[in-house]
Amino acid sequence: MNAEIVTALAGYIARFSPGKPIPAGMTEVMNDAMAERIRQGEIQRTVREMGQKLEFIAKELDQVVAESRTVVAGKKNPPA
């Protein structure tokens, strides 16, 4: 839970204080939090889930391309 809080705080600081330096000690806390998330396998799980979502999107795009080719082919060869 600490890692989630630190990540949220870091995101807030980056978003609402652009150009300002990160407070002293925050970098070390952020690094520790990220290391904890890695240890817990959270990063790997997230990457795996993103890969699955990308595969799903790729399949949907392939289907759209196939359907559009069918439509284009139908326009080139209209029924007699």
Protein backbone atom coordinates (compact mmCIF):
# COMPACT_ATOMS: atom_id res chain seq x y z
CA MET A 1 0.00 0.00 0.00
CA ASN A 2 2.90 2.36 0.70
CA ALA A 3 4.12 1.87 -2.87
CA GLU A 4 0.72 2.91 -4.21
CA ILE A 5 0.67 6.03 -2.04
CA VAL A 6 4.19 7.02 -3.05
CA THR A 7 3.39 6.44 -6.73
CA ALA A 8 0.25 8.58 -6.45
CA LEU A 9 2.16 11.36 -4.70
CA ALA A 10 4.93 11.27 -7.29
CA GLY A 11 2.37 11.49 -10.07
CA TYR A 12 0.67 14.42 -8.36
CA ILE A 13 3.96 16.27 -7.91
CA ALA A 14 4.97 15.66 -11.53
CA ARG A 15 1.57 16.75 -12.86
CA PHE A 16 0.92 19.81 -10.75
CA SER A 17 4.45 21.07 -10.15
CA PRO A 18 6.15 20.77 -13.54
CA GLY A 19 9.68 22.09 -13.61
CA LYS A 20 10.01 22.10 -9.84
CA PRO A 21 12.53 19.76 -8.27
CA ILE A 22 11.30 16.68 -6.46
CA PRO A 23 11.46 17.24 -2.68
CA ALA A 24 14.59 15.98 -0.95
CA GLY A 25 14.34 12.32 -0.03
CA MET A 26 11.35 11.73 -2.31
CA THR A 27 13.48 10.12 -5.03
CA GLU A 28 14.79 7.53 -2.59
CA VAL A 29 11.29 6.82 -1.30
CA MET A 30 10.00 6.52 -4.88
CA ASN A 31 12.82 4.12 -5.77
CA ASP A 32 12.09 2.01 -2.70
CA ALA A 33 8.39 1.94 -3.56
CA MET A 34 9.11 0.90 -7.15
CA ALA A 35 11.46 -1.83 -5.93
CA GLU A 36 8.70 -3.11 -3.67
CA ARG A 37 6.22 -3.16 -6.55
CA ILE A 38 8.72 -5.10 -8.66
CA ARG A 39 9.25 -7.57 -5.85
CA GLN A 40 5.53 -8.10 -5.61
CA GLY A 41 5.34 -8.89 -9.32
CA GLU A 42 3.04 -5.98 -10.01
CA ILE A 43 5.08 -4.63 -12.90
CA GLN A 44 5.27 -8.02 -14.62
CA ARG A 45 1.55 -8.56 -14.19
CA THR A 46 0.78 -5.13 -15.61
CA VAL A 47 3.03 -5.70 -18.63
CA ARG A 48 1.41 -9.09 -19.22
CA GLU A 49 -2.08 -7.56 -19.05
CA MET A 50 -1.07 -4.80 -21.45
CA GLY A 51 0.28 -7.42 -23.87
CA GLN A 52 -3.02 -9.29 -23.74
CA LYS A 53 -4.95 -6.10 -24.43
CA LEU A 54 -2.66 -5.27 -27.36
CA GLU A 55 -3.19 -8.74 -28.83
CA PHE A 56 -6.96 -8.25 -28.56
CA ILE A 57 -6.74 -4.85 -30.28
CA ALA A 58 -4.54 -6.32 -33.03
CA LYS A 59 -7.12 -9.04 -33.70
CA GLU A 60 -9.90 -6.45 -33.87
CA LEU A 61 -7.85 -4.36 -36.31
CA ASP A 62 -7.21 -7.42 -38.47
CA GLN A 63 -10.95 -8.03 -38.57
CA VAL A 64 -11.68 -4.40 -39.53
CA VAL A 65 -9.07 -4.55 -42.30
CA ALA A 66 -10.52 -7.81 -43.64
CA GLU A 67 -14.04 -6.36 -43.60
CA SER A 68 -12.93 -3.17 -45.35
CA ARG A 69 -11.18 -5.23 -48.06
CA THR A 70 -14.42 -7.12 -48.61
CA VAL A 71 -16.32 -3.86 -48.98
CA VAL A 72 -13.74 -2.43 -51.38
CA ALA A 73 -13.71 -5.64 -53.44
CA GLY A 74 -17.51 -5.51 -53.64
CA LYS A 75 -17.39 -1.96 -55.01
CA LYS A 76 -14.84 -2.95 -57.67
CA ASN A 77 -16.92 -5.95 -58.78
CA PRO A 78 -20.59 -4.96 -58.38
CA PRO A 79 -23.17 -7.69 -58.88
CA ALA A 80 -24.38 -8.10 -62.45
